[in-house]
Structures are given as structure tokens and as C-alpha cells.
Protein backbone atom coordinates (compact mmCIF):
# COMPACT_ATOMS: atom_id res chain seq x y z
CA UNK A 1 88.82 98.15 160.17
CA UNK A 2 91.38 100.70 159.09
CA UNK A 3 92.53 103.41 161.45
CA UNK A 4 90.93 106.82 161.04
CA UNK A 5 92.85 108.92 158.60
CA UNK A 6 94.58 106.02 156.86
CA UNK A 7 95.62 106.92 153.31
CA UNK A 8 96.48 104.58 150.47
CA UNK A 9 97.91 105.19 147.00
CA UNK A 10 97.20 102.74 144.19
CA UNK A 11 99.08 102.67 140.91
CA UNK A 12 97.05 100.97 138.23
CA UNK A 13 93.79 101.90 139.98
CA UNK A 14 91.83 101.73 136.72
CA UNK A 15 92.76 98.09 136.14
CA UNK A 16 90.99 94.98 137.35
CA UNK A 17 92.84 94.65 140.64
CA UNK A 18 93.09 98.39 141.22
CA UNK A 19 89.35 98.90 140.99
CA UNK A 20 88.56 96.06 143.40
CA UNK A 21 91.26 97.22 145.80
CA UNK A 22 89.91 100.77 145.78
CA UNK A 23 86.48 99.45 146.75
CA UNK A 24 87.93 97.29 149.51
CA UNK A 25 89.96 100.11 151.02
CA UNK A 26 87.02 102.54 150.85
CA UNK A 27 84.90 99.97 152.69
CA UNK A 28 87.53 99.95 155.43
CA UNK A 29 87.48 103.71 155.84
CA UNK A 30 90.61 104.61 153.91
CA UNK A 31 91.13 107.75 151.92
CA UNK A 32 92.13 106.33 148.55
CA UNK A 33 94.31 107.97 145.91
CA UNK A 34 94.95 106.54 142.48
CA UNK A 35 97.36 107.32 139.67
CA UNK A 36 95.91 107.44 136.14
CA UNK A 37 97.60 108.20 132.86
CA UNK A 38 96.54 111.39 131.12
CA UNK A 39 94.62 110.66 127.92
CA UNK A 40 92.23 112.44 125.59
CA UNK A 41 89.49 110.00 126.49
CA UNK A 42 88.23 108.75 129.87
CA UNK A 43 89.75 105.41 130.89
CA UNK A 44 88.10 105.02 134.28
CA UNK A 45 85.20 102.72 133.43
CA UNK A 46 86.06 100.20 136.18
CA UNK A 47 85.86 102.82 138.93
CA UNK A 48 83.17 105.16 137.64
CA UNK A 49 80.63 103.65 140.04
CA UNK A 50 82.68 104.72 143.08
CA UNK A 51 84.12 107.99 141.81
CA UNK A 52 82.71 111.33 142.96
CA UNK A 53 83.81 114.81 142.00
CA UNK A 54 86.41 115.90 144.56
CA UNK A 55 84.38 119.05 145.23
CA UNK A 56 81.63 116.98 146.82
CA UNK A 57 81.57 116.64 150.59
CA UNK A 58 82.67 113.29 151.95
CA UNK A 59 84.70 112.32 148.90
CA UNK A 60 87.36 109.73 149.76
CA UNK A 61 88.57 108.71 146.31
CA UNK A 62 90.96 111.01 144.49
CA UNK A 63 92.66 110.55 141.11
CA UNK A 64 95.99 112.04 140.08
CA UNK A 65 97.61 112.19 136.66
CA UNK A 66 100.91 110.44 136.59
CA UNK A 67 103.14 108.04 134.69
CA UNK A 68 105.49 105.38 136.00
CA UNK A 69 108.12 106.55 133.52
CA UNK A 70 108.23 110.02 135.10
CA UNK A 71 110.01 110.26 138.48
CA UNK A 72 109.06 113.88 138.99
CA UNK A 73 105.34 113.14 138.75
CA UNK A 74 105.67 110.20 141.12
CA UNK A 75 107.64 112.29 143.56
CA UNK A 76 105.09 115.11 143.58
CA UNK A 77 102.23 112.69 144.21
CA UNK A 78 103.99 110.92 147.10
CA UNK A 79 105.05 114.17 148.79
CA UNK A 80 101.64 115.78 148.42
CA UNK A 81 99.58 112.81 149.58
CA UNK A 82 101.89 111.32 152.22
CA UNK A 83 100.20 107.90 152.04
CA UNK A 84 100.48 105.24 154.73
CA UNK A 85 100.34 102.45 152.19
CA UNK A 86 101.30 102.21 148.51
CA UNK A 87 99.92 99.39 146.38
CA UNK A 88 101.99 99.19 143.21
CA UNK A 89 99.78 97.43 140.65
CA UNK A 90 100.55 99.58 137.59
CA UNK A 91 102.45 97.89 134.75
CA UNK A 92 102.42 96.86 131.12
CA UNK A 93 100.84 93.59 132.19
CA UNK A 94 99.99 91.71 129.01
CA UNK A 95 102.49 88.88 128.57
CA UNK A 96 102.09 88.38 124.82
CA UNK A 97 102.30 92.15 124.18
CA UNK A 98 105.56 92.30 126.14
CA UNK A 99 107.29 90.36 123.37
CA UNK A 100 106.32 93.11 120.94
CA UNK A 101 107.19 95.99 123.31
CA UNK A 102 110.09 94.69 125.44
CA UNK A 103 111.72 98.09 125.96
CA UNK A 104 108.51 99.78 126.99
CA UNK A 105 107.63 96.86 129.25
CA UNK A 106 111.02 97.08 130.94
CA UNK A 107 110.78 100.85 131.41
CA UNK A 108 107.30 100.83 132.94
CA UNK A 109 107.07 97.43 134.64
CA UNK A 110 110.65 97.20 135.94
CA UNK A 111 112.11 100.71 136.18
CA UNK A 112 108.76 102.15 137.20
CA UNK A 113 109.00 100.10 140.40
CA UNK A 114 112.48 101.43 141.11
CA UNK A 115 111.35 105.02 140.58
CA UNK A 116 108.55 104.52 143.04
CA UNK A 117 110.72 102.81 145.67
CA UNK A 118 113.39 105.49 145.41
CA UNK A 119 110.86 108.29 145.86
CA UNK A 120 109.47 106.56 148.95
CA UNK A 121 112.99 106.06 150.33
CA UNK A 122 113.90 109.71 149.84
CA UNK A 123 110.63 110.88 151.37
CA UNK A 124 111.57 109.31 154.75
CA UNK A 125 107.85 108.66 155.29
CA UNK A 126 106.84 105.42 157.09
CA UNK A 127 105.14 104.00 153.99
CA UNK A 128 104.26 100.34 153.60
CA UNK A 129 104.86 99.21 150.01
CA UNK A 130 103.15 96.37 148.16
CA UNK A 131 104.70 95.10 144.94
CA UNK A 132 102.41 93.18 142.58
CA UNK A 133 104.58 90.26 141.54
CA UNK A 134 103.46 87.51 139.19
CA UNK A 135 103.46 83.74 138.88
CA UNK A 136 104.90 84.28 135.37
CA UNK A 137 108.22 84.88 137.15
CA UNK A 138 108.47 81.14 137.82
CA UNK A 139 108.41 80.42 134.09
CA UNK A 140 109.86 77.00 133.41
CA UNK A 141 110.34 75.99 137.04
CA UNK A 142 108.34 72.79 137.62
CA UNK A 143 105.15 73.06 139.70
CA UNK A 144 104.02 73.45 142.36
CA UNK A 145 105.68 76.82 142.94
CA UNK A 146 106.14 78.56 146.30
CA UNK A 147 108.28 81.30 147.84
CA UNK A 148 111.44 79.15 147.56
CA UNK A 149 110.95 78.16 143.91
CA UNK A 150 113.64 79.66 141.62
CA UNK A 151 112.55 82.17 139.02
CA UNK A 152 113.04 81.16 135.38
CA UNK A 153 111.13 83.87 133.45
CA UNK A 154 110.00 83.16 129.90
CA UNK A 155 108.87 86.59 128.67
CA UNK A 156 109.96 90.24 128.80
CA UNK A 157 107.03 90.84 131.17
CA UNK A 158 108.21 88.12 133.53
CA UNK A 159 111.81 89.39 133.39
CA UNK A 160 110.60 92.87 134.32
CA UNK A 161 108.56 91.47 137.21
CA UNK A 162 111.58 89.52 138.51
CA UNK A 163 113.57 92.75 138.49
CA UNK A 164 110.83 94.51 140.44
CA UNK A 165 110.56 91.64 142.91
CA UNK A 166 114.27 91.79 143.76
CA UNK A 167 114.29 95.58 143.88
CA UNK A 168 111.52 95.50 146.50
CA UNK A 169 113.53 93.01 148.51
CA UNK A 170 116.69 95.08 148.10
CA UNK A 171 115.04 98.22 149.44
CA UNK A 172 113.60 96.15 152.29
CA UNK A 173 117.00 94.76 153.25
CA UNK A 174 119.10 97.81 152.45
CA UNK A 175 116.93 100.59 153.85
CA UNK A 176 114.65 98.77 156.30
CA UNK A 177 111.62 99.70 154.22
CA UNK A 178 108.35 97.83 154.68
CA UNK A 179 108.27 96.37 151.17
CA UNK A 180 106.38 93.16 150.47
CA UNK A 181 105.78 91.08 147.35
CA UNK A 182 102.53 89.36 146.54
CA UNK A 183 103.27 86.66 143.97
CA UNK A 184 99.79 86.26 142.49
CA UNK A 185 98.86 83.40 140.25
CA UNK A 186 96.25 84.03 137.57
CA UNK A 187 93.19 85.76 138.96
CA UNK A 188 90.25 86.71 136.77
CA UNK A 189 86.87 88.45 136.95
CA UNK A 190 84.34 90.24 134.77
CA UNK A 191 86.66 93.26 135.00
CA UNK A 192 89.54 91.43 133.34
CA UNK A 193 90.93 93.24 130.28
CA UNK A 194 89.25 92.21 127.04
CA UNK A 195 92.50 91.02 125.41
CA UNK A 196 93.33 88.50 128.15
CA UNK A 197 92.38 84.97 127.13
CA UNK A 198 89.72 84.30 129.80
CA UNK A 199 87.80 87.48 129.09
CA UNK A 200 88.34 87.09 125.36
CA UNK A 201 86.55 83.73 125.58
CA UNK A 202 83.65 84.88 127.76
CA UNK A 203 83.03 88.01 125.70
CA UNK A 204 83.10 85.96 122.53
CA UNK A 205 80.52 83.55 123.94
CA UNK A 206 78.17 86.42 124.69
CA UNK A 207 78.67 87.84 121.20
CA UNK A 208 78.08 84.44 119.61
CA UNK A 209 74.85 83.99 121.59
CA UNK A 210 73.82 87.51 120.52
CA UNK A 211 74.50 86.66 116.87
CA UNK A 212 77.12 89.33 116.35
CA UNK A 213 80.14 87.01 116.17
CA UNK A 214 80.79 83.54 114.78
CA UNK A 215 84.31 82.55 115.82
CA UNK A 216 86.93 83.39 118.44
CA UNK A 217 90.63 83.09 117.58
CA UNK A 218 92.95 81.84 120.31
CA UNK A 219 96.56 80.74 120.76
CA UNK A 220 98.03 77.92 122.86
CA UNK A 221 95.20 75.89 124.40
CA UNK A 222 97.56 73.50 126.21
CA UNK A 223 99.03 76.01 128.67
CA UNK A 224 97.96 75.26 132.25
CA UNK A 225 97.28 77.93 134.85
CA UNK A 226 96.15 78.28 138.46
CA UNK A 227 93.01 80.44 138.09
CA UNK A 228 91.21 82.23 140.93
CA UNK A 229 88.71 85.05 141.52
CA UNK A 230 90.28 88.52 141.63
CA UNK A 231 88.37 90.12 144.57
CA UNK A 232 89.65 87.40 146.90
CA UNK A 233 93.25 88.13 145.89
CA UNK A 234 92.82 91.84 146.47
CA UNK A 235 91.76 91.14 150.05
CA UNK A 236 94.99 89.18 150.49
CA UNK A 237 97.00 92.15 149.18
CA UNK A 238 95.60 94.26 151.99
CA UNK A 239 96.35 91.52 154.53
CA UNK A 240 99.98 91.42 153.39
CA UNK A 241 100.47 95.08 154.36
CA UNK A 242 98.78 94.52 157.73
CA UNK A 243 101.48 92.06 158.83
CA UNK A 244 103.90 93.12 161.54
CA UNK A 245 106.86 92.46 159.29
CA UNK A 246 107.26 92.68 155.49
CA UNK A 247 107.60 89.51 153.49
CA UNK A 248 106.80 87.68 150.27
CA UNK A 249 103.69 85.59 149.71
CA UNK A 250 102.51 83.24 146.98
CA UNK A 251 98.74 83.49 146.36
CA UNK A 252 96.81 80.87 144.39
CA UNK A 253 94.27 78.04 144.54
CA UNK A 254 96.62 75.06 144.25
CA UNK A 255 94.74 73.73 141.20
CA UNK A 256 95.68 73.90 137.55
CA UNK A 257 93.50 73.91 134.44
CA UNK A 258 94.42 74.29 130.79
CA UNK A 259 93.15 77.02 128.51
CA UNK A 260 91.30 74.23 126.69
CA UNK A 261 89.49 73.34 129.93
CA UNK A 262 88.48 76.98 130.41
CA UNK A 263 87.15 77.10 126.86
CA UNK A 264 85.22 73.82 127.25
CA UNK A 265 83.72 74.82 130.58
CA UNK A 266 82.63 78.25 129.33
CA UNK A 267 81.09 77.06 126.05
CA UNK A 268 79.30 74.10 127.61
CA UNK A 269 77.84 76.36 130.30
CA UNK A 270 75.74 78.11 127.64
CA UNK A 271 75.09 75.06 125.48
CA UNK A 272 77.60 75.74 122.73
CA UNK A 273 80.22 73.42 121.23
CA UNK A 274 83.76 74.84 121.18
CA UNK A 275 84.65 73.00 117.96
CA UNK A 276 82.01 75.04 116.12
CA UNK A 277 83.43 78.41 117.15
CA UNK A 278 87.08 78.20 118.31
CA UNK A 279 89.90 78.64 115.82
CA UNK A 280 93.66 78.74 116.39
CA UNK A 281 95.78 81.68 115.20
CA UNK A 282 99.55 81.21 115.53
CA UNK A 283 99.98 84.96 116.03
CA UNK A 284 98.70 84.51 119.57
CA UNK A 285 101.39 82.00 120.52
CA UNK A 286 104.29 83.24 122.62
CA UNK A 287 107.87 82.80 121.37
CA UNK A 288 108.61 81.11 124.72
CA UNK A 289 105.76 79.56 126.70
CA UNK A 290 105.12 78.82 130.36
CA UNK A 291 103.65 75.33 130.37
CA UNK A 292 102.22 74.86 133.86
CA UNK A 293 101.71 76.95 137.02
CA UNK A 294 100.35 75.67 140.33
CA UNK A 295 100.55 77.68 143.53
CA UNK A 296 101.72 76.27 146.83
CA UNK A 297 100.12 78.93 149.04
CA UNK A 298 100.84 77.24 152.37
CA UNK A 299 102.54 80.31 153.79
CA UNK A 300 99.64 82.63 152.83
CA UNK A 301 97.12 80.21 154.34
CA UNK A 302 99.04 80.07 157.61
CA UNK A 303 99.92 83.76 158.02
CA UNK A 304 97.23 85.60 156.07
CA UNK A 305 94.31 83.26 156.59
CA UNK A 306 94.01 82.87 152.81
CA UNK A 307 90.76 80.98 152.09
CA UNK A 308 89.76 81.19 148.44
CA UNK A 309 86.09 80.31 148.02
CA UNK A 310 85.46 80.61 144.26
CA UNK A 311 86.77 77.62 142.40
CA UNK A 312 87.56 77.18 138.72
CA UNK A 313 84.05 76.19 137.63
CA UNK A 314 82.47 78.99 139.63
CA UNK A 315 84.87 81.55 138.18
CA UNK A 316 83.95 80.55 134.63
CA UNK A 317 80.24 80.85 135.35
CA UNK A 318 80.61 84.25 137.04
CA UNK A 319 82.50 85.64 134.04
CA UNK A 320 80.14 84.22 131.43
CA UNK A 321 77.06 85.49 133.30
CA UNK A 322 78.53 88.99 133.50
CA UNK A 323 79.37 89.16 129.80
CA UNK A 324 75.98 87.76 128.83
CA UNK A 325 74.36 90.51 130.87
CA UNK A 326 76.65 93.15 129.35
CA UNK A 327 75.55 92.00 125.88
CA UNK A 328 71.90 92.48 126.79
CA UNK A 329 71.24 88.75 127.17
CA UNK A 330 69.71 86.79 130.02
CA UNK A 331 72.55 85.07 131.91
CA UNK A 332 72.36 81.40 132.86
CA UNK A 333 72.51 82.65 136.44
CA UNK A 334 74.55 79.99 138.27
CA UNK A 335 77.48 82.36 138.62
CA UNK A 336 75.28 85.07 140.08
CA UNK A 337 73.78 82.62 142.58
CA UNK A 338 77.26 81.49 143.59
CA UNK A 339 78.39 85.02 144.43
CA UNK A 340 75.27 85.73 146.45
CA UNK A 341 75.73 82.54 148.42
CA UNK A 342 79.46 82.82 149.05
CA UNK A 343 79.61 86.63 149.51
CA UNK A 344 76.25 87.73 150.95
CA UNK A 345 77.80 91.00 152.17
CA UNK A 346 80.37 91.64 149.49
CA UNK A 347 82.21 94.95 149.55
CA UNK A 348 82.57 95.41 145.78
CA UNK A 349 79.91 96.59 143.38
CA UNK A 350 78.19 94.66 140.63
CA UNK A 351 80.24 93.93 137.51
């Protein structure tokens, strides 16, 4: 359990990983602070179930308006909160979109990390820093990939993440900061953004079953990825900052499956044939593709006790069940049963 009075700051708290991480830290007794971008509409749907008005007694989750492109805002938040741990998850994280917005991606995903690290350095506070790195950094390096594999990024997003990775290491070496990188391979859940391919597929299946959609348009079905279940990766993030010394860790299942396999598994789970509903749109292809990613997470298994329990097939079923339920349909239920069996006392809420 966390020490009494432990504070954590999460950038990207409204995203998939940020929402699960907030729940995990709250379950461990942390006071949790999150940075959200100011908008004219609410964008907190993933954390609404744990958010309370800060006026209420016992509130331990607080949100602050901020932007990774604004050093002054970041500085004010760090100085006012004085967190013990900072989990930097915020970014422009859609790989295909990064080709269309390379400058914005670089400013937020790369320079945003530098702004945050520099504010922490100048604060002189004993803050532990977690940098959300990505398997996309490995790019064209042949699998399996581990902490010694060279980075060969194949997208503006991956280039920005490589920059952030090395900046975290530079601040660690140059200023003795506790800065660690978690190099996470693909991790999905019912909270995954709707434009990411896995969620795009499972939402489309629910819509097709509901009769509101006929086809789903996808890009490269041959790309192979190492897919895991997001809540398990969030737990590993926390473990990384509980180590005695900072370091870098690859997190993944060690298995690879193509997008085509994900599509086949998901459609067959509900009795549909992919060939009747899946169409290819070249607009969704990347100018430069990453063909295959497979994690070698030996270091994380040895030092963090990484033990991922939800496999590829289970992940697909969990996501399809959740989107079926969200569409007002009766889920098949195998995914729900899996979660109850594997996580009888889970710390995150229902999706």
C-alpha cells in the first residue's frame, strides 16, 4: 500500500491508461491529481465514475486545467501540488494522425516531455517521473524487441516518443533525477479510443449486430502487434516507480497477432463473417509501416514481477462484450466471465 499522504500527478488522466491508473492509485490511498485540457465540452467520460466535486469531504481526485505546450501552466501545477510521483501519459498518441499533424505531435509529445522534466528539475522536489514510451519506437527493428533493441522509428509519433525517451534518460543521468521509461507494447481495453483499430472493430461489430451499421473500413490488416490488457500494464507502471533505482522496462506479452487475426477473432466471437462486413480503405494506411512487434519482457518479469493474465483471445472477448453492452445488446459473456475469474477483486470499475 502507498504511504499516507502520497500524491501523484497524471498527465493524460482522461485517456485509457490515465483513467485506469487513477483508479489504481486511489485504491492504494494516493491523493491523485490530473491535468485536463480546457474545452467547451466535458471530456472526462472515462473518469466520471470516480470523480467527486472537490468541495465534498474525503475527495482524493483533483483535476487541473493545463496543456503540455504551456510551460507556465505545468510549472504552476507542479509547484502547487508538490507531487511525489508524476506519470506522464499525455500525448498526441494516434500514430496515423501523427503523419497529418507532425508539428503538433512533436510539440506536445516530444517537447511537452521536456517542459515537464525541466519544471521538475527546477522545482528541486524529490519527484519520481514515469515516461510513457512506446513499442512504436522500435519501428523496423526485427522482433523480439527488448531494452537493448535499437530504435528505428517509422512515424512522427514514434520519433517524438524516441526524443522523450532519451530526454528522460538524459535528465536521469545529468541531474540524478528518478526518471524511468516504460516501453509499453500495444495494450487495449473497452476504454480504448474509438479511432484506434481494435476499438474501431469492436464498436463496429456491436453496431452491425444492432443493425445501425453495415461495414467497417480498415487499413493494413497484415501488421502484427503484441496486444495485452491495459489495466495490467497500468499496474506495472506503478511498480516501475516503486523500484529503488530508476530504469527502463519493456512491457508486453511476448506474442504477436495480426490485425487480420484480431478482426477474425472478434467477428467469429459473435457469429459474423468478416468478409461480409470488412472493407479496406487506403486512407488508413500509414506512409511508413511497422510490420511486426513482439516484446521480450524478461527484465520486467524478473524485477517487476510482471505476470500478464489476459491473453489475446480473452482481450478480444472482453472488448466485444463491453461494446455489445454499450450498444444495448446482450453480450456473449465469455469476456465478462474471464475478468471475474482472473480478477475477482479488481480495483477498477466496470467499463
